Amino acid sequence: MLTPVRWAKGRGYLRHFRGDIGIDTTATPVFARPPRARRSTGELIASTEITAGWHHSAGNGPPEYGYSATLTVAARTRLALGSFPQLALGLVLDTPHKRIGENAIATLKPLATIGFPTGFAVADRAYTDQAADHFARPARELGYKLALDYKVDQRGVQGSVHDTPLIDGSPACPLMPDRLAQATSGLDDAAVRTPSEELAALIAAREPYLLRLKQSANANGAVRFQCPAAGTSPSVTCPRFGRLHQRGPSRPTAVDLTDARQRAAHPAARPRVLPPQPDLKTDQLPKICSQHTITIRKDDLGHLDKFRQDLAYLSSAWIGTYKSVRANTEGINGRLKGHDLDLGDPKNRLAHGRVAQTILVALLVTVANEHFLDQWRHIHQPQDEPATLADTSQTPAGTFDGTPPAGQSRPPPAP
């Protein structure tokens, strides 16, 4: 199924693809009947599709008996420039709700061999809920950043590392006001999908308190974060930081009040952190307060590492990435099931067994990819595009006279 993808990349159709991908599972029902009880005797009867199961979707629809297809999709964020075809880049067919994270990683690994860049990997709450070693950490090791969503009971303050709170996937100042830290705690999905003006204001007010990335992950997966009061352009004013690190008073400077950038850069415009009075002793302070930076290693967060992501949750950057990619992903799922060879119609895949079903689904997705690519070319490519493919081996056409190729013998006649 990657053949159309390689072909499209070789022709330059994916040159604007920045490596942002969406991952999701979709139901692929089978024609076989599910396990059931015989009406007359109550005897349990197994299904002929013994490795299938019930796929429960996130919506309110009834479950479907069959397999779950993990699909990885070439997607675009809201800020992406240029056009490219939205193609399915990976596929794994498995028993529903089994090996969810591992299957997603299996679809990502071949993309490096094709030469694609790595951008954001966007996945829904089913992937956020996977153990960190099954999805989040392997995805980061492959070079992807994560944009994730959370369940109701996972939002807000999720834990801490080195006495630094992890708030909706981002390490933050220990003195962030509680009203901001708990802004998303207990919110239902409807409130998150359509944030109110009050929630949007609280999310925006959070950002100055979030620790800033100082150094991206090294070979061992360690990431260094900086205190928001440190550096040449601090985002908050902190008396504790000034006391511990002996930052003297700044020299008065003239500010052009008509210049928005100068007004925003002035210390008076920054949020002011309010330490408790009396403040903690130096040996009792969180590590981020006693030094400018902290290093978070891949094992420091433990199971909480599955929540960490690379954009502030519900910020404008997160919305522009997560919602756009999810729309692309759902769009591909809908197109695959609205195609002439409907992925959701089990009559198109009558063979039994997961191996046979995998092959048939792969063929259906390949045909759909070809269809998507053809549609995109008609819209975005010039009419005089050359038909010869420099990157694809071609077999010259000729008249076949029935003579077998050299070195091969004609099969014996049927008895």
Protein backbone atom coordinates (compact mmCIF):
# COMPACT_ATOMS: atom_id res chain seq x y z
CA MET A 1 0.00 0.00 0.00
CA LEU A 2 3.04 2.31 0.23
CA THR A 3 3.66 2.04 -3.52
CA PRO A 4 1.41 5.03 -4.39
CA VAL A 5 3.03 6.96 -1.52
CA ARG A 6 6.56 6.33 -2.83
CA TRP A 7 5.39 7.20 -6.33
CA ALA A 8 3.88 10.48 -5.13
CA LYS A 9 7.02 11.40 -3.19
CA GLY A 10 9.25 10.60 -6.16
CA ARG A 11 7.19 12.89 -8.38
CA GLY A 12 7.41 15.72 -5.84
CA TYR A 13 3.72 15.75 -4.95
CA LEU A 14 4.57 15.51 -1.23
CA ARG A 15 7.26 18.20 -1.19
CA HIS A 16 5.07 20.41 1.04
CA PHE A 17 4.40 17.57 3.48
CA ARG A 18 6.09 18.57 6.76
CA GLY A 19 5.78 15.21 8.47
CA ASP A 20 2.62 15.94 10.50
CA ILE A 21 0.58 12.78 10.77
CA GLY A 22 -2.72 11.71 12.26
CA ILE A 23 -3.26 8.29 13.82
CA ASP A 24 -6.62 6.66 14.40
CA THR A 25 -8.38 3.30 14.38
CA THR A 26 -11.48 2.62 12.34
CA ALA A 27 -13.84 -0.35 12.35
CA THR A 28 -13.52 -2.92 9.57
CA PRO A 29 -16.52 -5.24 10.11
CA VAL A 30 -16.43 -8.82 8.82
CA PHE A 31 -19.11 -10.84 7.04
CA ALA A 32 -18.94 -13.66 9.61
CA ARG A 33 -21.50 -13.77 12.38
CA PRO A 34 -20.30 -12.92 15.90
CA PRO A 35 -20.26 -15.48 18.73
CA ARG A 36 -23.79 -16.26 19.85
CA ALA A 37 -25.91 -18.67 21.86
CA ARG A 38 -28.07 -21.28 20.13
CA ARG A 39 -31.72 -20.34 20.71
CA SER A 40 -32.95 -23.86 21.32
CA THR A 41 -30.32 -25.08 23.78
CA GLY A 42 -28.41 -21.97 24.86
CA GLU A 43 -25.19 -23.61 23.65
CA LEU A 44 -22.45 -21.08 22.83
CA ILE A 45 -21.40 -21.02 19.18
CA ALA A 46 -18.06 -19.55 18.20
CA SER A 47 -17.61 -17.25 15.23
CA THR A 48 -15.70 -18.44 12.17
CA GLU A 49 -13.70 -15.21 12.54
CA ILE A 50 -12.03 -16.27 15.78
CA THR A 51 -9.55 -13.36 16.05
CA ALA A 52 -12.16 -10.66 15.46
CA GLY A 53 -13.92 -8.73 18.23
CA TRP A 54 -16.26 -5.87 18.98
CA HIS A 55 -15.01 -2.45 17.84
CA HIS A 56 -16.43 0.29 20.05
CA SER A 57 -16.16 3.74 18.47
CA ALA A 58 -15.85 6.95 20.46
CA GLY A 59 -19.31 8.05 19.33
CA ASN A 60 -22.68 6.75 20.41
CA GLY A 61 -23.07 4.24 17.58
CA PRO A 62 -23.43 0.51 18.25
CA PRO A 63 -20.26 -1.65 18.28
CA GLU A 64 -19.30 -3.52 15.12
CA TYR A 65 -17.95 -7.08 14.99
CA GLY A 66 -14.72 -7.35 13.04
CA TYR A 67 -11.25 -5.85 13.21
CA SER A 68 -9.76 -2.46 13.94
CA ALA A 69 -7.64 -0.85 11.23
CA THR A 70 -4.94 1.48 12.56
CA LEU A 71 -4.37 4.13 9.89
CA THR A 72 -1.64 6.75 9.72
CA VAL A 73 -2.53 9.72 7.53
CA ALA A 74 -0.46 12.47 5.88
CA ALA A 75 -2.02 15.57 7.43
CA ARG A 76 -1.50 19.30 7.63
CA THR A 77 -1.70 21.82 10.45
CA ARG A 78 -3.46 25.15 10.16
CA LEU A 79 -0.16 26.99 9.51
CA ALA A 80 1.12 24.59 6.84
CA LEU A 81 1.75 26.11 3.43
CA GLY A 82 1.40 24.48 0.04
CA SER A 83 -0.78 21.60 -1.07
CA PHE A 84 -0.21 17.87 -1.07
CA PRO A 85 -2.48 14.82 -1.34
CA GLN A 86 -3.83 13.42 1.93
CA LEU A 87 -2.82 9.76 1.67
CA ALA A 88 -2.90 6.80 4.04
CA LEU A 89 0.75 6.20 4.99
CA GLY A 90 0.41 3.11 7.19
CA LEU A 91 -1.98 0.31 8.08
CA VAL A 92 -2.17 -2.42 10.71
CA LEU A 93 -5.20 -4.68 11.13
CA ASP A 94 -5.69 -6.22 14.56
CA THR A 95 -8.25 -7.43 17.07
CA PRO A 96 -10.17 -4.39 18.40
CA HIS A 97 -8.66 -2.64 21.42
CA LYS A 98 -5.51 -4.80 21.37
CA ARG A 99 -1.95 -3.44 20.97
CA ILE A 100 -3.25 0.04 20.17
CA GLY A 101 0.00 1.87 20.85
CA GLU A 102 2.28 -0.79 19.34
CA ASN A 103 0.25 -0.86 16.13
CA ALA A 104 0.53 2.91 15.79
CA ILE A 105 4.31 2.73 16.15
CA ALA A 106 4.42 -0.08 13.57
CA THR A 107 2.84 2.28 11.03
CA LEU A 108 5.39 5.02 11.76
CA LYS A 109 8.62 3.05 11.44
CA PRO A 110 8.55 2.53 7.63
CA LEU A 111 8.10 6.26 7.01
CA ALA A 112 11.72 6.99 7.90
CA THR A 113 12.92 4.60 5.18
CA ILE A 114 10.91 6.58 2.61
CA GLY A 115 12.65 9.77 3.69
CA PHE A 116 9.76 11.70 5.17
CA PRO A 117 10.42 14.41 7.78
CA THR A 118 8.99 14.02 11.28
CA GLY A 119 6.56 16.61 12.60
CA PHE A 120 3.62 16.31 14.98
CA ALA A 121 1.93 13.01 15.68
CA VAL A 122 -1.70 13.74 16.60
CA ALA A 123 -3.78 11.06 18.28
CA ASP A 124 -6.98 10.89 20.29
CA ARG A 125 -7.51 9.85 23.91
CA ALA A 126 -7.23 6.12 23.17
CA TYR A 127 -3.52 6.67 22.48
CA THR A 128 -3.00 9.07 25.38
CA ASP A 129 -4.25 6.30 27.65
CA GLN A 130 -1.61 3.83 26.43
CA ALA A 131 1.42 3.07 28.61
CA ALA A 132 4.25 5.48 27.86
CA ASP A 133 6.50 2.65 26.64
CA HIS A 134 3.85 1.54 24.15
CA PHE A 135 3.22 4.82 22.36
CA ALA A 136 4.52 8.17 23.67
CA ARG A 137 8.18 7.27 24.19
CA PRO A 138 8.66 5.23 20.98
CA ALA A 139 6.98 8.03 18.98
CA ARG A 140 9.39 10.59 20.44
CA GLU A 141 12.34 8.29 19.77
CA LEU A 142 11.28 8.25 16.11
CA GLY A 143 11.48 12.05 16.13
CA TYR A 144 7.81 12.99 16.44
CA LYS A 145 6.35 15.68 18.66
CA LEU A 146 3.00 14.89 20.28
CA ALA A 147 -0.33 16.72 20.33
CA LEU A 148 -2.77 14.85 22.56
CA ASP A 149 -6.20 15.10 24.16
CA TYR A 150 -7.27 13.88 27.61
CA LYS A 151 -10.19 12.24 29.32
CA VAL A 152 -12.23 14.19 31.85
CA ASP A 153 -10.37 12.78 34.86
CA GLN A 154 -6.95 13.36 33.25
CA ARG A 155 -7.22 17.13 32.78
CA GLY A 156 -5.65 19.75 35.02
CA VAL A 157 -2.75 18.96 37.38
CA GLN A 158 -1.64 15.46 36.41
CA GLY A 159 1.31 15.03 38.79
CA SER A 160 4.79 16.45 39.30
CA VAL A 161 8.44 15.87 38.50
CA HIS A 162 11.22 17.31 40.69
CA ASP A 163 8.43 19.17 42.57
CA THR A 164 7.44 20.84 39.28
CA PRO A 165 3.76 20.30 38.43
CA LEU A 166 2.73 18.71 35.13
CA ILE A 167 -0.35 20.63 34.03
CA ASP A 168 -2.19 19.28 30.97
CA GLY A 169 1.02 17.77 29.64
CA SER A 170 3.29 20.80 30.24
CA PRO A 171 5.70 21.34 33.17
CA ALA A 172 4.88 24.62 34.88
CA CYS A 173 6.05 27.03 37.55
CA PRO A 174 5.28 25.61 41.04
CA LEU A 175 3.78 28.99 41.95
CA MET A 176 1.27 29.16 39.09
CA PRO A 177 -1.99 30.47 40.60
CA ASP A 178 -4.30 27.61 41.49
CA ARG A 179 -7.14 29.14 39.46
CA LEU A 180 -5.02 28.80 36.32
CA ALA A 181 -3.60 25.38 37.18
CA GLN A 182 -7.10 23.96 37.76
CA ALA A 183 -8.71 25.74 34.79
CA THR A 184 -9.45 22.48 32.96
CA SER A 185 -10.00 20.17 35.94
CA GLY A 186 -13.29 18.31 35.63
CA LEU A 187 -14.26 19.91 32.34
CA ASP A 188 -16.36 17.68 30.11
CA ASP A 189 -15.59 17.10 26.43
CA ALA A 190 -18.19 19.59 25.23
CA ALA A 191 -16.56 22.42 27.19
CA VAL A 192 -13.15 21.53 25.74
CA ARG A 193 -14.31 21.20 22.13
CA THR A 194 -15.88 24.65 22.23
CA PRO A 195 -13.97 26.68 24.86
CA SER A 196 -15.83 29.58 26.40
CA GLU A 197 -14.32 33.06 26.47
CA GLU A 198 -13.56 32.61 30.17
CA LEU A 199 -11.73 29.31 29.58
CA ALA A 200 -9.80 30.76 26.63
CA ALA A 201 -8.68 33.67 28.84
CA LEU A 202 -7.51 31.27 31.57
CA ILE A 203 -5.58 29.16 29.05
CA ALA A 204 -3.88 32.28 27.67
CA ALA A 205 -3.02 33.43 31.21
CA ARG A 206 -1.36 30.06 31.87
CA GLU A 207 1.25 30.37 29.15
CA PRO A 208 3.70 32.77 30.87
CA TYR A 209 3.97 30.32 33.79
CA LEU A 210 4.85 27.28 31.67
CA LEU A 211 8.47 26.16 31.68
CA ARG A 212 10.19 26.96 28.41
CA LEU A 213 12.04 24.41 26.33
CA LYS A 214 15.76 25.03 26.73
CA GLN A 215 17.12 21.98 24.94
CA SER A 216 15.30 19.32 22.93
CA ALA A 217 15.61 15.64 23.73
CA ASN A 218 19.13 14.22 23.45
CA ALA A 219 20.05 10.68 22.43
CA ASN A 220 18.90 9.40 25.84
CA GLY A 221 15.54 11.20 25.69
CA ALA A 222 16.44 13.84 28.31
CA VAL A 223 14.82 17.27 27.84
CA ARG A 224 15.94 20.49 29.55
CA PHE A 225 13.41 23.14 30.61
CA GLN A 226 14.04 26.70 31.81
CA CYS A 227 12.36 28.64 34.61
CA PRO A 228 9.98 31.24 33.11
CA ALA A 229 11.66 33.95 35.23
CA ALA A 230 15.14 33.12 33.89
CA GLY A 231 16.91 34.08 30.71
CA THR A 232 17.16 37.30 28.77
CA SER A 233 13.42 37.40 28.00
CA PRO A 234 11.57 36.16 31.09
CA SER A 235 7.81 35.76 30.84
CA VAL A 236 7.11 36.34 34.56
CA THR A 237 8.55 38.42 37.37
CA CYS A 238 9.50 36.34 40.41
CA PRO A 239 10.78 37.81 43.71
CA ARG A 240 12.02 34.35 44.70
CA PHE A 241 14.15 34.10 41.57
CA GLY A 242 15.54 37.60 42.11
CA ARG A 243 16.40 36.78 45.73
CA LEU A 244 18.09 33.45 45.00
CA HIS A 245 19.98 34.50 41.91
CA GLN A 246 20.72 38.09 42.97
CA ARG A 247 19.24 39.73 39.93
CA GLY A 248 19.69 43.43 40.56
CA PRO A 249 17.15 46.08 39.69
CA SER A 250 17.02 46.89 36.01
CA ARG A 251 18.11 50.27 34.78
CA PRO A 252 15.15 52.53 33.97
CA THR A 253 14.55 52.79 30.26
CA ALA A 254 12.22 54.90 28.19
CA VAL A 255 9.25 53.01 26.79
CA ASP A 256 7.30 54.06 23.75
CA LEU A 257 3.76 53.40 24.92
CA THR A 258 2.51 53.35 21.34
CA ASP A 259 4.75 50.32 20.59
CA ALA A 260 2.99 47.09 21.59
CA ARG A 261 6.24 45.08 21.64
CA GLN A 262 7.95 47.53 24.00
CA ARG A 263 4.94 47.57 26.30
CA ALA A 264 4.83 43.74 26.39
CA ALA A 265 8.58 43.51 27.10
CA HIS A 266 8.47 45.84 30.10
CA PRO A 267 8.70 44.04 33.49
CA ALA A 268 5.54 45.74 34.67
CA ALA A 269 3.59 43.99 31.90
CA ARG A 270 4.60 40.51 33.02
CA PRO A 271 2.61 38.45 35.52
CA ARG A 272 4.14 38.63 38.99
CA VAL A 273 4.67 35.37 40.86
CA LEU A 274 3.57 35.54 44.49
CA PRO A 275 5.68 33.29 46.79
CA PRO A 276 4.21 32.37 50.18
CA GLN A 277 5.06 34.57 53.13
CA PRO A 278 7.30 33.62 54.80
CA ASP A 279 8.91 31.85 51.84
CA LEU A 280 10.36 28.34 51.99
CA LYS A 281 13.97 27.82 52.99
CA THR A 282 16.45 27.36 50.18
CA ASP A 283 16.92 23.63 50.81
CA GLN A 284 13.13 23.11 50.65
CA LEU A 285 12.54 24.78 47.31
CA PRO A 286 11.67 22.91 44.13
CA LYS A 287 14.68 22.24 41.91
CA ILE A 288 13.46 24.65 39.21
CA CYS A 289 13.49 27.49 41.79
CA SER A 290 16.99 26.81 43.11
CA GLN A 291 18.52 26.63 39.62
CA HIS A 292 17.73 28.13 36.23
CA THR A 293 16.87 24.86 34.48
CA ILE A 294 15.86 21.27 35.17
CA THR A 295 16.45 18.16 33.10
CA ILE A 296 13.58 15.72 32.74
CA ARG A 297 14.78 12.27 31.77
CA LYS A 298 12.52 9.77 30.11
CA ASP A 299 12.01 7.77 33.33
CA ASP A 300 11.54 10.73 35.69
CA LEU A 301 7.81 11.07 35.05
CA GLY A 302 7.10 7.34 35.20
CA HIS A 303 3.60 6.53 33.95
CA LEU A 304 2.83 10.27 33.71
CA ASP A 305 5.13 10.52 30.70
CA LYS A 306 2.21 9.41 28.53
CA PHE A 307 0.54 12.78 29.23
CA ARG A 308 3.47 15.02 28.23
CA GLN A 309 3.03 16.87 24.97
CA ASP A 310 4.82 19.58 23.02
CA LEU A 311 2.13 22.26 22.80
CA ALA A 312 0.23 23.98 25.58
CA TYR A 313 -3.12 22.22 25.84
CA LEU A 314 -6.03 24.21 24.33
CA SER A 315 -3.71 27.05 23.30
CA SER A 316 -4.13 28.54 19.84
CA ALA A 317 -1.09 26.57 18.63
CA TRP A 318 -2.55 23.32 20.00
CA ILE A 319 -5.95 24.00 18.43
CA GLY A 320 -4.37 24.84 15.07
CA THR A 321 -2.43 21.57 15.14
CA TYR A 322 -4.71 19.08 16.87
CA LYS A 323 -8.06 20.02 15.36
CA SER A 324 -6.70 20.42 11.83
CA VAL A 325 -4.93 17.06 11.82
CA ARG A 326 -7.89 15.29 13.42
CA ALA A 327 -10.14 16.72 10.70
CA ASN A 328 -7.77 15.30 8.05
CA THR A 329 -7.76 11.93 9.81
CA GLU A 330 -11.52 11.70 10.12
CA GLY A 331 -11.80 12.85 6.53
CA ILE A 332 -9.65 9.97 5.27
CA ASN A 333 -11.69 7.50 7.33
CA GLY A 334 -14.87 8.86 5.82
CA ARG A 335 -13.49 8.78 2.27
CA LEU A 336 -12.31 5.18 2.68
CA LYS A 337 -15.81 4.19 3.71
CA GLY A 338 -17.48 6.37 1.10
CA HIS A 339 -15.31 5.05 -1.72
CA ASP A 340 -16.60 2.67 -4.38
CA LEU A 341 -14.65 -0.10 -2.63
CA ASP A 342 -16.17 0.65 0.77
CA LEU A 343 -13.84 -0.33 3.62
CA GLY A 344 -16.85 -0.53 5.93
CA ASP A 345 -18.76 -3.01 3.78
CA PRO A 346 -17.83 -6.60 4.79
CA LYS A 347 -19.20 -7.92 1.48
CA ASN A 348 -16.05 -6.52 -0.15
CA ARG A 349 -13.92 -8.80 2.08
CA LEU A 350 -15.52 -12.24 2.25
CA ALA A 351 -12.39 -14.29 3.02
CA HIS A 352 -11.94 -15.49 6.61
CA GLY A 353 -8.92 -14.94 8.87
CA ARG A 354 -6.90 -11.93 9.90
CA VAL A 355 -4.16 -12.55 7.30
CA ALA A 356 -6.66 -12.64 4.44
CA GLN A 357 -8.51 -9.64 5.84
CA THR A 358 -5.24 -7.70 6.17
CA ILE A 359 -4.33 -8.34 2.53
CA LEU A 360 -7.80 -7.37 1.32
CA VAL A 361 -7.90 -4.20 3.44
CA ALA A 362 -4.41 -3.25 2.21
CA LEU A 363 -5.58 -3.66 -1.39
CA LEU A 364 -8.66 -1.53 -0.75
CA VAL A 365 -6.57 1.23 0.85
CA THR A 366 -4.06 1.07 -2.01
CA VAL A 367 -6.83 1.52 -4.59
CA ALA A 368 -8.26 4.38 -2.53
CA ASN A 369 -4.80 6.03 -2.32
CA GLU A 370 -4.53 5.82 -6.09
CA HIS A 371 -7.97 7.42 -6.38
CA PHE A 372 -7.09 10.23 -3.93
CA LEU A 373 -3.83 10.84 -5.77
CA ASP A 374 -5.53 10.95 -9.14
CA GLN A 375 -8.10 13.45 -7.88
CA TRP A 376 -5.36 15.67 -6.45
CA ARG A 377 -3.34 15.58 -9.67
CA HIS A 378 -6.33 16.67 -11.75
CA ILE A 379 -6.77 19.72 -9.51
CA HIS A 380 -3.18 20.74 -8.76
CA GLN A 381 -1.00 19.51 -11.65
CA PRO A 382 -0.59 21.08 -15.12
CA GLN A 383 -2.16 19.44 -18.14
CA ASP A 384 1.20 18.89 -19.89
CA GLU A 385 2.69 16.83 -17.04
CA PRO A 386 4.99 14.12 -18.47
CA ALA A 387 3.61 10.61 -18.22
CA THR A 388 6.98 8.83 -17.79
CA LEU A 389 7.91 8.05 -14.18
CA ALA A 390 11.62 8.52 -13.60
CA ASP A 391 11.44 6.94 -10.16
CA THR A 392 9.39 3.86 -11.08
CA SER A 393 10.75 0.93 -13.00
CA GLN A 394 8.87 0.46 -16.25
CA THR A 395 8.23 -2.79 -18.10
CA PRO A 396 8.14 -2.23 -21.88
CA ALA A 397 4.86 -3.25 -23.42
CA GLY A 398 4.95 -5.80 -26.23
CA THR A 399 3.02 -8.60 -27.88
CA PHE A 400 3.04 -11.79 -25.83
CA ASP A 401 3.39 -14.85 -28.03
CA GLY A 402 3.15 -17.44 -25.27
CA THR A 403 6.90 -18.15 -25.15
CA PRO A 404 8.14 -18.31 -21.55
CA PRO A 405 11.04 -16.00 -20.57
CA ALA A 406 14.57 -17.31 -20.84
CA GLY A 407 15.56 -19.67 -18.06
CA GLN A 408 11.97 -20.63 -17.34
CA SER A 409 10.01 -23.58 -18.61
CA ARG A 410 6.40 -23.67 -19.63
CA PRO A 411 4.27 -25.37 -16.95
CA PRO A 412 3.21 -28.90 -17.83
CA PRO A 413 -0.20 -29.26 -19.44
CA ALA A 414 -3.11 -30.09 -17.21
CA PRO A 415 -3.94 -33.83 -17.17
